[in-house]
Protein backbone atom coordinates (compact mmCIF):
# COMPACT_ATOMS: atom_id res chain seq x y z
CA MET A 1 0.08 0.07 0.42
CA ALA A 2 1.61 3.18 -1.14
CA ILE A 3 0.75 5.59 1.58
CA ALA A 4 1.15 9.09 0.64
CA PRO A 5 3.03 11.52 3.24
CA LEU A 6 1.07 14.03 5.03
CA LEU A 7 2.17 17.55 4.64
CA ALA A 8 4.28 19.05 7.29
CA ALA A 9 0.86 21.61 7.72
CA THR A 10 -1.41 18.82 8.46
CA THR A 11 0.97 17.57 11.30
CA ALA A 12 1.41 20.47 12.74
CA PHE A 13 -2.79 21.25 12.74
CA ILE A 14 -3.36 17.52 14.54
CA GLN A 15 -0.76 18.38 16.68
CA ARG A 16 -1.47 21.86 18.14
CA ALA A 17 -3.38 22.47 21.49
CA PRO A 18 -7.34 21.30 21.38
CA ARG A 19 -9.08 24.63 21.04
CA MET A 20 -12.12 26.17 19.20
CA LEU A 21 -13.05 29.09 18.12
CA ILE A 22 -15.14 31.41 20.02
CA GLY A 23 -15.72 35.06 19.22
CA ALA A 24 -11.83 36.37 18.64
CA HIS A 25 -10.27 33.63 20.75
CA TRP A 26 -9.54 30.38 20.60
CA VAL A 27 -9.87 28.18 23.37
CA GLU A 28 -10.67 25.32 25.57
CA ALA A 29 -13.64 23.92 27.03
CA ALA A 30 -14.97 25.88 30.05
CA ASP A 31 -14.16 23.07 32.43
CA GLY A 32 -11.13 21.64 30.59
CA GLN A 33 -12.37 18.89 29.26
CA THR A 34 -11.03 16.65 25.69
CA MET A 35 -12.50 14.39 23.64
CA PRO A 36 -10.43 11.58 21.22
CA LEU A 37 -10.79 11.84 17.76
CA ARG A 38 -9.88 8.32 16.09
CA ASN A 39 -8.38 7.60 12.62
CA PRO A 40 -11.41 4.86 10.89
CA ALA A 41 -8.71 3.45 8.63
CA THR A 42 -6.30 2.40 11.91
CA GLY A 43 -8.39 2.69 14.67
CA GLU A 44 -5.54 4.85 16.31
CA GLN A 45 -6.20 7.80 18.36
CA LEU A 46 -6.00 10.41 15.98
CA CYS A 47 -5.96 13.79 18.32
CA LEU A 48 -7.82 15.41 21.13
CA VAL A 49 -10.46 18.25 20.71
CA PRO A 50 -12.19 20.66 23.42
CA ARG A 51 -15.42 18.53 24.60
CA ALA A 52 -17.89 22.08 24.86
CA THR A 53 -19.88 22.69 27.17
CA VAL A 54 -23.04 24.42 27.64
CA ASP A 55 -21.50 27.58 29.03
CA ASP A 56 -19.35 27.45 25.84
CA VAL A 57 -21.83 27.54 23.18
CA ASP A 58 -23.77 29.60 24.76
CA ARG A 59 -20.50 32.55 24.70
CA ALA A 60 -20.32 31.48 21.26
CA VAL A 61 -23.94 32.17 20.91
CA LEU A 62 -24.01 35.63 22.84
CA ALA A 63 -20.43 36.35 20.77
CA ALA A 64 -22.13 35.62 17.36
CA ARG A 65 -25.32 37.98 18.95
CA GLN A 66 -23.41 40.74 19.04
CA ALA A 67 -21.60 40.39 15.80
CA PHE A 68 -25.03 40.45 14.57
CA ASP A 69 -26.63 43.09 16.03
CA ASP A 70 -23.36 45.73 16.71
CA SER A 71 -20.52 45.23 15.04
CA PRO A 72 -18.76 46.02 11.69
CA TRP A 73 -20.49 42.87 10.33
CA THR A 74 -23.66 44.54 10.30
CA ARG A 75 -22.49 47.81 8.08
CA THR A 76 -20.94 45.46 5.49
CA ARG A 77 -22.15 46.10 1.97
CA PRO A 78 -23.28 43.54 -0.91
CA ARG A 79 -19.60 43.93 -2.03
CA GLU A 80 -17.91 43.30 0.83
CA ARG A 81 -19.71 39.79 1.91
CA GLN A 82 -19.59 39.03 -1.73
CA ASN A 83 -15.20 39.53 -1.81
CA LEU A 84 -14.74 37.81 1.45
CA LEU A 85 -16.46 34.94 0.39
CA TRP A 86 -14.34 34.97 -2.38
CA LYS A 87 -11.34 35.80 -0.07
CA LEU A 88 -12.28 32.70 1.28
CA ALA A 89 -12.87 30.30 -1.04
CA ASP A 90 -9.02 31.53 -2.41
CA LEU A 91 -7.64 30.73 0.93
CA MET A 92 -9.29 27.37 0.38
CA GLN A 93 -7.93 26.54 -3.29
CA ARG A 94 -4.48 27.48 -1.75
CA ASP A 95 -4.73 24.70 1.78
CA ALA A 96 -6.34 22.46 -1.23
CA GLU A 97 -4.57 19.44 -0.04
CA LEU A 98 -4.41 20.18 3.80
CA LEU A 99 -7.96 20.43 3.77
CA ALA A 100 -8.27 16.71 2.34
CA GLN A 101 -5.91 15.61 4.34
CA LEU A 102 -7.60 16.18 7.28
CA GLU A 103 -10.76 14.73 5.72
CA CYS A 104 -8.85 11.87 4.80
CA LEU A 105 -7.81 11.31 8.34
CA ASN A 106 -10.66 11.95 10.15
CA ASN A 107 -12.85 10.44 8.27
CA GLY A 108 -11.42 7.68 6.35
CA LYS A 109 -12.43 8.92 2.58
CA SER A 110 -9.97 8.76 -0.09
CA ALA A 111 -7.46 11.94 0.61
CA ALA A 112 -7.32 12.22 -3.64
CA VAL A 113 -11.21 11.98 -3.93
CA ALA A 114 -12.06 14.57 -1.23
CA GLN A 115 -9.63 17.03 -2.66
CA ALA A 116 -11.48 16.50 -6.25
CA MET A 117 -14.81 16.25 -4.70
CA ASP A 118 -15.55 17.99 -1.44
CA VAL A 119 -12.54 20.66 -1.17
CA GLN A 120 -12.92 21.65 -4.67
CA LEU A 121 -17.42 21.68 -4.17
CA SER A 122 -16.77 23.21 -1.08
CA ILE A 123 -15.21 26.06 -3.03
CA ASP A 124 -17.39 26.44 -6.17
CA PHE A 125 -20.36 26.49 -3.45
CA LEU A 126 -18.46 29.65 -1.78
CA ARG A 127 -18.03 31.57 -5.06
CA TYR A 128 -21.54 30.73 -6.12
CA MET A 129 -22.88 31.94 -2.71
CA ALA A 130 -20.62 35.31 -3.14
CA GLY A 131 -22.57 36.02 -6.23
CA TRP A 132 -25.73 35.87 -4.46
CA ALA A 133 -24.38 38.43 -1.90
CA THR A 134 -25.06 41.20 -4.35
CA LYS A 135 -28.44 39.74 -5.09
CA ILE A 136 -30.98 39.83 -2.75
CA GLU A 137 -33.77 41.87 -3.29
CA GLY A 138 -37.01 43.44 -2.15
CA ALA A 139 -40.11 44.81 -4.11
CA SER A 140 -42.21 47.73 -4.74
CA VAL A 141 -46.03 46.98 -4.72
CA GLU A 142 -49.04 49.41 -5.63
CA VAL A 143 -51.22 49.21 -2.67
CA SER A 144 -55.35 49.09 -2.96
CA LEU A 145 -56.23 49.62 0.72
CA PRO A 146 -60.06 50.53 0.10
CA LEU A 147 -60.92 52.02 3.80
CA MET A 148 -58.18 54.42 3.04
CA PRO A 149 -59.52 55.93 -0.32
CA ASP A 150 -57.90 59.13 -0.69
CA ASP A 151 -54.79 58.60 0.49
CA GLN A 152 -51.64 58.05 -0.99
CA PHE A 153 -48.89 55.42 0.13
CA HIS A 154 -45.50 54.26 -1.00
CA SER A 155 -45.41 50.47 0.05
CA PHE A 156 -42.11 48.05 -0.32
CA ILE A 157 -41.03 44.91 0.88
CA ARG A 158 -37.34 44.10 2.03
CA ARG A 159 -35.62 40.89 2.32
CA GLU A 160 -33.57 40.96 5.89
CA ALA A 161 -30.63 38.25 7.09
CA LEU A 162 -32.19 36.00 9.90
CA GLY A 163 -29.64 36.53 12.11
CA VAL A 164 -27.41 34.16 14.30
CA VAL A 165 -27.77 30.75 12.90
CA GLY A 166 -26.98 27.66 14.91
CA ALA A 167 -25.64 25.22 12.28
CA ILE A 168 -25.48 21.27 13.24
CA VAL A 169 -23.43 19.03 10.58
CA ALA A 170 -22.84 15.44 10.08
CA TRP A 171 -19.79 13.67 9.57
CA ASN A 172 -20.31 12.16 6.11
CA PHE A 173 -19.28 15.69 4.18
CA PRO A 174 -17.64 17.37 7.23
CA LEU A 175 -16.28 20.53 5.30
CA LEU A 176 -18.67 20.24 2.46
CA LEU A 177 -21.85 20.30 4.81
CA ALA A 178 -19.98 23.17 6.35
CA CYS A 179 -19.82 25.44 3.62
CA TRP A 180 -23.51 24.56 2.60
CA LYS A 181 -24.51 26.28 6.20
CA LEU A 182 -21.60 28.75 5.82
CA GLY A 183 -22.21 30.23 2.60
CA PRO A 184 -25.42 31.39 2.34
CA ALA A 185 -25.41 32.97 6.47
CA LEU A 186 -22.41 35.04 5.32
CA ALA A 187 -23.83 35.70 2.14
CA THR A 188 -27.00 37.29 3.38
CA GLY A 189 -24.76 39.14 6.46
CA CYS A 190 -26.37 36.33 9.35
CA THR A 191 -23.52 35.22 11.69
CA LEU A 192 -22.99 31.57 12.29
CA VAL A 193 -21.87 29.39 15.50
CA LEU A 194 -21.20 25.62 13.50
CA LYS A 195 -21.33 22.53 15.56
CA PRO A 196 -19.73 20.37 13.82
CA ALA A 197 -19.99 16.05 14.21
CA ASP A 198 -18.39 14.53 17.26
CA GLU A 199 -16.54 12.59 14.96
CA THR A 200 -15.07 15.40 12.54
CA PRO A 201 -14.40 18.51 13.46
CA LEU A 202 -10.87 18.70 11.98
CA SER A 203 -12.01 20.48 8.77
CA ALA A 204 -14.28 22.74 10.43
CA LEU A 205 -11.70 23.89 12.75
CA LYS A 206 -9.43 24.73 9.94
CA LEU A 207 -12.23 26.52 8.25
CA ALA A 208 -12.64 28.59 11.05
CA GLU A 209 -8.25 29.46 11.12
CA LEU A 210 -9.39 30.78 6.93
CA VAL A 211 -12.40 32.62 7.77
CA GLN A 212 -10.00 35.19 10.31
CA GLU A 213 -7.54 34.62 7.86
CA ALA A 214 -9.92 36.16 5.22
CA GLY A 215 -10.25 39.00 7.30
CA TYR A 216 -14.29 38.58 8.69
CA PRO A 217 -15.23 40.36 11.99
CA ASP A 218 -15.07 38.28 15.15
CA GLY A 219 -17.65 36.64 16.29
CA VAL A 220 -19.37 36.19 12.72
CA PHE A 221 -18.05 32.29 12.50
CA ASN A 222 -17.47 30.51 15.62
CA VAL A 223 -16.83 26.68 15.77
CA VAL A 224 -17.57 24.45 19.13
CA THR A 225 -16.68 20.79 19.08
CA GLY A 226 -18.16 18.35 21.12
CA THR A 227 -21.14 15.98 21.88
CA GLY A 228 -24.42 16.18 20.42
CA ILE A 229 -26.19 15.80 23.38
CA THR A 230 -24.76 18.55 25.45
CA ALA A 231 -23.00 21.17 22.85
CA GLY A 232 -25.96 20.48 20.06
CA SER A 233 -28.64 20.48 22.34
CA ALA A 234 -27.36 23.68 23.92
CA LEU A 235 -26.95 24.85 20.49
CA THR A 236 -30.48 23.76 19.62
CA ARG A 237 -32.53 25.24 22.92
CA ASN A 238 -30.65 28.72 22.88
CA PRO A 239 -33.24 31.77 23.14
CA LEU A 240 -30.56 34.13 21.09
CA VAL A 241 -30.24 31.96 18.04
CA ASP A 242 -32.94 32.89 15.40
CA LYS A 243 -32.17 30.28 12.68
CA LEU A 244 -31.45 26.14 13.22
CA THR A 245 -30.13 24.36 10.26
CA PHE A 246 -29.48 21.05 10.69
CA THR A 247 -28.00 17.78 8.62
CA GLY A 248 -27.85 14.25 9.86
CA SER A 249 -30.68 11.98 10.65
CA THR A 250 -33.92 11.82 10.59
CA ALA A 251 -34.55 10.65 13.97
CA VAL A 252 -32.53 13.70 15.38
CA GLY A 253 -33.54 16.08 12.99
CA LYS A 254 -37.34 15.69 14.01
CA GLU A 255 -36.32 16.11 17.75
CA ILE A 256 -34.78 19.76 16.71
CA GLY A 257 -38.01 20.55 14.97
CA LYS A 258 -39.82 20.06 18.08
CA ILE A 259 -37.60 22.44 19.88
CA ALA A 260 -37.43 24.72 17.11
CA MET A 261 -40.98 25.23 17.24
CA ASP A 262 -41.51 25.90 20.87
CA SER A 263 -39.70 28.97 20.05
CA MET A 264 -40.59 29.54 16.21
CA THR A 265 -37.04 29.13 15.63
CA ARG A 266 -36.77 29.14 11.91
CA VAL A 267 -35.65 25.93 10.74
CA THR A 268 -34.27 23.78 7.77
CA LEU A 269 -33.55 20.14 7.96
CA GLU A 270 -31.81 17.77 5.29
CA LEU A 271 -31.76 14.15 6.59
CA GLY A 272 -31.46 11.01 5.39
CA GLY A 273 -32.50 9.04 2.90
CA LYS A 274 -33.31 5.52 1.26
CA SER A 275 -32.84 6.58 -2.51
CA PRO A 276 -34.14 4.51 -5.48
CA THR A 277 -31.99 3.59 -8.69
CA ILE A 278 -34.55 2.56 -11.65
CA VAL A 279 -32.76 0.67 -14.41
CA MET A 280 -35.54 0.51 -17.33
CA ALA A 281 -35.43 -2.15 -19.81
CA ASP A 282 -34.02 0.13 -22.49
CA ALA A 283 -31.10 1.42 -20.68
CA ASP A 284 -28.02 1.27 -21.27
CA LEU A 285 -26.93 -1.70 -19.03
CA GLY A 286 -23.24 -1.31 -18.92
CA SER A 287 -23.53 2.43 -17.83
CA ALA A 288 -26.11 1.83 -15.38
CA ALA A 289 -24.36 -1.22 -13.57
CA ALA A 290 -21.37 1.25 -13.38
CA GLY A 291 -23.96 3.83 -12.20
CA ALA A 292 -25.18 2.32 -9.85
CA ALA A 293 -22.17 0.69 -8.13
CA SER A 294 -20.91 4.58 -7.35
CA ALA A 295 -24.76 5.54 -6.33
CA ILE A 296 -24.10 3.18 -3.39
CA PHE A 297 -20.26 2.52 -2.69
CA PHE A 298 -19.06 6.10 -3.21
CA ASN A 299 -17.95 7.31 0.16
CA GLN A 300 -18.19 3.94 1.69
CA GLY A 301 -22.12 4.51 1.52
CA GLN A 302 -22.37 6.72 3.66
CA VAL A 303 -24.34 9.39 1.69
CA CYS A 304 -27.31 10.49 2.64
CA CYS A 305 -28.89 10.26 -0.88
CA ALA A 306 -26.81 7.20 -1.83
CA GLY A 307 -28.79 4.79 -4.24
CA SER A 308 -29.38 2.20 -1.70
CA ARG A 309 -32.46 0.72 -3.10
CA LEU A 310 -31.97 -1.11 -6.85
CA TYR A 311 -35.00 -1.92 -9.29
CA VAL A 312 -34.12 -3.27 -12.40
CA GLN A 313 -36.94 -4.67 -14.94
CA ARG A 314 -37.17 -8.22 -14.12
CA LYS A 315 -35.49 -9.82 -17.88
CA HIS A 316 -32.31 -7.57 -17.14
CA PHE A 317 -32.17 -8.06 -13.21
CA ASP A 318 -29.58 -10.90 -12.98
CA ASN A 319 -27.30 -9.85 -15.24
CA VAL A 320 -27.17 -5.83 -13.89
CA VAL A 321 -26.80 -7.44 -10.46
CA ALA A 322 -24.11 -9.82 -11.70
CA ASP A 323 -22.10 -6.69 -13.01
CA ILE A 324 -22.47 -4.59 -10.08
CA ALA A 325 -21.23 -7.41 -8.02
CA GLY A 326 -18.34 -7.75 -10.23
CA ILE A 327 -17.62 -3.91 -9.84
CA ALA A 328 -17.97 -4.12 -5.82
CA ASN A 329 -15.81 -7.56 -5.77
CA ALA A 330 -12.78 -5.19 -7.78
CA MET A 331 -12.86 -2.62 -5.77
CA LYS A 332 -9.21 -1.86 -3.56
CA LEU A 333 -10.65 -1.11 0.46
CA GLY A 334 -7.53 0.52 2.33
CA ASN A 335 -6.05 3.57 3.78
CA GLY A 336 -7.42 7.17 1.93
CA LEU A 337 -3.96 8.40 2.06
CA ASP A 338 -3.15 5.82 -0.84
CA ALA A 339 -4.38 7.77 -3.59
CA SER A 340 -5.14 3.78 -5.58
CA VAL A 341 -8.33 2.88 -2.84
CA GLU A 342 -11.74 3.17 -4.08
CA MET A 343 -12.96 2.99 -0.63
CA GLY A 344 -11.90 3.60 2.82
CA PRO A 345 -13.58 2.81 6.26
CA LEU A 346 -16.76 3.33 7.90
CA ILE A 347 -16.73 6.45 10.21
CA SER A 348 -16.46 4.23 13.30
CA ALA A 349 -16.73 1.01 15.34
CA ARG A 350 -20.20 1.60 16.11
CA GLN A 351 -21.15 2.58 12.02
CA GLN A 352 -19.12 -0.62 10.77
CA GLU A 353 -21.41 -2.89 14.02
CA ARG A 354 -24.64 -0.77 12.77
CA VAL A 355 -24.07 -1.85 9.00
CA TYR A 356 -22.91 -5.07 9.47
CA ARG A 357 -25.85 -6.00 11.51
CA TYR A 358 -28.34 -5.04 8.96
CA ILE A 359 -26.19 -7.67 6.57
CA GLU A 360 -26.32 -10.02 9.54
CA MET A 361 -30.22 -9.33 9.39
CA GLY A 362 -30.43 -10.09 5.86
CA ARG A 363 -29.01 -13.72 6.32
CA ASP A 364 -31.20 -14.79 8.74
CA SER A 365 -34.65 -13.90 7.29
CA GLY A 366 -33.44 -15.99 4.06
CA ALA A 367 -31.42 -13.40 1.92
CA THR A 368 -28.89 -13.82 -0.40
CA ILE A 369 -25.75 -12.15 -0.37
CA ALA A 370 -24.73 -11.77 -3.80
CA CYS A 371 -21.19 -10.27 -2.70
CA GLY A 372 -19.58 -9.20 0.15
CA GLY A 373 -21.15 -9.51 3.77
CA GLU A 374 -18.31 -9.38 5.49
CA GLN A 375 -16.02 -6.89 8.00
CA PHE A 376 -12.74 -6.94 8.59
CA GLY A 377 -10.14 -4.41 10.15
CA PRO A 378 -7.74 -2.74 11.49
CA GLY A 379 -10.24 0.41 10.96
CA TYR A 380 -13.70 -0.14 10.38
CA PHE A 381 -14.21 -1.77 6.69
CA VAL A 382 -17.49 -3.32 5.38
CA LYS A 383 -16.67 -4.69 2.26
CA PRO A 384 -18.77 -3.61 -0.72
CA THR A 385 -22.17 -6.07 -0.26
CA VAL A 386 -25.20 -6.77 -2.85
CA ILE A 387 -28.42 -8.21 -1.30
CA VAL A 388 -31.00 -9.97 -3.44
CA ASP A 389 -34.00 -11.88 -2.46
CA VAL A 390 -35.32 -9.53 -0.03
CA ASP A 391 -39.07 -8.57 0.20
CA GLN A 392 -40.02 -4.87 -0.18
CA LYS A 393 -41.05 -3.96 3.07
CA HIS A 394 -37.72 -5.95 4.64
CA SER A 395 -36.41 -3.13 7.46
CA LEU A 396 -32.67 -3.94 4.43
CA VAL A 397 -35.20 -2.10 2.07
CA GLN A 398 -37.08 0.58 4.66
CA GLU A 399 -34.55 1.45 6.63
CA GLU A 400 -31.63 3.79 5.69
CA ILE A 401 -28.20 1.60 6.70
CA PHE A 402 -25.54 4.41 5.52
CA GLY A 403 -22.88 1.96 4.40
CA PRO A 404 -21.83 0.28 1.41
CA VAL A 405 -25.17 -2.48 1.37
CA LEU A 406 -27.26 -2.12 -2.04
CA VAL A 407 -30.77 -4.28 -2.02
CA ALA A 408 -31.84 -5.53 -5.19
CA ILE A 409 -35.10 -6.11 -6.57
CA PRO A 410 -36.56 -6.64 -10.07
CA PHE A 411 -39.77 -4.92 -10.91
CA ASP A 412 -42.13 -6.02 -14.13
CA ASP A 413 -43.23 -2.37 -15.64
CA GLU A 414 -43.16 1.04 -14.99
CA ALA A 415 -46.33 1.55 -12.55
CA ASP A 416 -44.48 -1.46 -10.79
CA ALA A 417 -41.00 0.35 -10.59
CA LEU A 418 -42.53 3.59 -9.54
CA ARG A 419 -44.81 1.62 -6.49
CA MET A 420 -41.85 0.34 -4.80
CA ALA A 421 -39.98 3.82 -5.41
CA ASN A 422 -42.48 5.71 -3.54
CA ASP A 423 -42.70 2.86 -1.15
CA SER A 424 -40.48 4.62 1.37
CA PRO A 425 -40.84 6.55 4.43
CA TYR A 426 -38.08 8.86 2.59
CA GLY A 427 -37.82 10.87 -0.48
CA LEU A 428 -34.47 12.65 -0.29
CA GLY A 429 -33.19 11.42 -4.25
CA ALA A 430 -33.63 8.79 -6.95
CA SER A 431 -32.29 8.11 -10.45
CA ILE A 432 -33.50 6.31 -13.26
CA TRP A 433 -31.80 4.89 -16.12
CA SER A 434 -33.30 4.71 -20.03
CA ASN A 435 -32.78 6.69 -22.81
CA ASP A 436 -36.65 6.76 -23.45
CA LEU A 437 -37.47 10.05 -23.26
CA ALA A 438 -41.21 9.68 -23.22
CA ALA A 439 -40.99 7.14 -19.90
CA VAL A 440 -38.58 9.71 -18.10
CA HIS A 441 -40.50 12.39 -18.61
CA ARG A 442 -43.64 10.61 -17.66
CA MET A 443 -41.98 8.71 -14.26
CA ILE A 444 -40.64 12.53 -12.81
CA PRO A 445 -43.73 13.74 -11.77
CA LYS A 446 -44.69 10.59 -9.99
CA ILE A 447 -41.62 10.09 -8.11
CA LYS A 448 -42.08 11.75 -4.75
CA SER A 449 -38.53 12.61 -3.79
CA GLY A 450 -36.94 16.51 -3.84
CA SER A 451 -33.88 15.24 -6.99
CA VAL A 452 -34.28 13.09 -9.58
CA TRP A 453 -31.18 12.19 -11.71
CA VAL A 454 -31.53 10.81 -15.39
CA ASN A 455 -28.65 8.73 -16.40
CA CYS A 456 -26.36 9.73 -13.49
CA HIS A 457 -26.93 9.47 -9.42
CA SER A 458 -25.74 12.10 -6.77
CA ALA A 459 -24.45 14.38 -9.49
CA LEU A 460 -24.93 17.92 -7.27
CA ASP A 461 -24.45 21.50 -8.59
CA PRO A 462 -24.75 24.50 -6.46
CA ALA A 463 -27.26 26.18 -8.74
CA LEU A 464 -29.95 22.97 -7.89
CA PRO A 465 -31.74 23.25 -4.68
CA PHE A 466 -31.44 19.89 -2.77
CA GLY A 467 -33.37 18.69 0.13
CA GLY A 468 -36.38 15.98 0.40
CA TYR A 469 -39.86 15.45 0.47
CA LYS A 470 -41.34 13.25 3.29
CA MET A 471 -39.17 11.94 6.20
CA SER A 472 -35.74 13.76 3.71
CA GLY A 473 -36.64 17.31 6.18
CA LEU A 474 -37.86 20.54 5.28
CA GLY A 475 -35.96 23.40 3.00
CA ARG A 476 -33.21 23.53 0.62
CA GLU A 477 -30.02 23.98 0.45
CA MET A 478 -28.14 25.30 -2.29
CA GLY A 479 -29.96 27.56 -4.69
CA HIS A 480 -31.65 30.58 -4.72
CA ALA A 481 -33.89 28.71 -1.79
CA ALA A 482 -31.15 28.77 0.23
CA ILE A 483 -30.80 32.34 0.08
CA GLU A 484 -34.77 32.17 1.12
CA HIS A 485 -34.34 30.20 4.39
CA TYR A 486 -31.64 32.71 5.91
CA THR A 487 -33.73 35.93 5.56
CA GLU A 488 -36.69 36.99 6.63
CA LEU A 489 -39.24 39.85 4.86
CA LYS A 490 -40.38 43.09 6.01
CA SER A 491 -43.54 44.39 4.83
CA VAL A 492 -43.23 48.26 5.00
CA LEU A 493 -46.37 50.51 3.84
CA ILE A 494 -45.76 54.40 4.15
CA LYS A 495 -48.71 56.72 4.35
CA LEU A 496 -47.76 60.11 2.31
């Protein structure tokens, strides 16, 4: 295995004292407590980070509140917010390899893929959002007011920054998800407290350094590291937070949503998925098999919109499954610092155990393991797995596994495919593999999901809104929709 050497800057960052950013200062947790991070590829301790207390979170929110209410940030003009985001993106481009190595060490994913995908998409997204800073518009309105027929009015609508944003992100794409929150927040003039996932805070802490270097005023961006049960809960419940944005599991998202409603805190939730991949009889079957394999095995299957349910028209089912199994069996697993590795470890021993428990559940119920079905170490590895002979109502089909496990089921016709695709509590993404344009356009409106890809899967662009139907969440990330979620409308009526 050809393990690439770490940059000196990467090593120095990991070895630094445990600190998090609150206001202008890099600080320890108030009680001095820390928590260990582990390298998923080896299981070994990587470093320590602060375990934030409720007081730490409250101080971070207060810093963000003060920065929003009374600091130079409140007087920045759209062009300045645009230029700051561009500067931040440029700094990320400069440190792209460092950021990618941090993602690899902390998350387990390929460093090469992280640099080309996670880091570059983060940079592209910030540059896209920078453009929106100068395009936030209101409107003038001609009002009628029939009860005041003799008076004249001037009326307009303002779109204003929401205020303090509390952002909690998942561990599967730590940097990218942080930027999905940071970009629209800073473009609109909000301030932000970011609570990264317990397991993967390193790239968020580096991002905080770059925010400072870019020249943002103190308190505009804060990062608190710690557990969800303490730091995440404190951020969710803080009355000074105007908006909560969360990416993670549906179970946690529902709890955050309930808490937000108690105080009418604005909220967006990007939650779980169980996305169908539908292969029609007329599809390019080779491309469909390769695409279906990528849809589930990319990022070790730890993708909210992963194509974890495969539906193939019956006459081609066996051949497509065999092709995917062949791809899976040929994949090289290992440490993400090896550029030749195609799939890394899962995030943690707990996640490895959870994923393997689903595979065992399939075996116990009589399902057939077409390939994979094994776990190994050191590190938290599960081989890419394809399971067939599973009933549509089985937990393997209905529940989010969040690992490299594909469940494949044949279908007979278009109506059958649509029925099974929609038979899920989730509705985040779906893909159709077909060259029949008429069939594709018939199916798209009938699929209950926030994104539908045709002859591709999980293809994301900053201009396209991303979010889910049903239990996959509320609101949208990216696109113009994101700007709407970080602003409020104010109607103004002036009697002349």
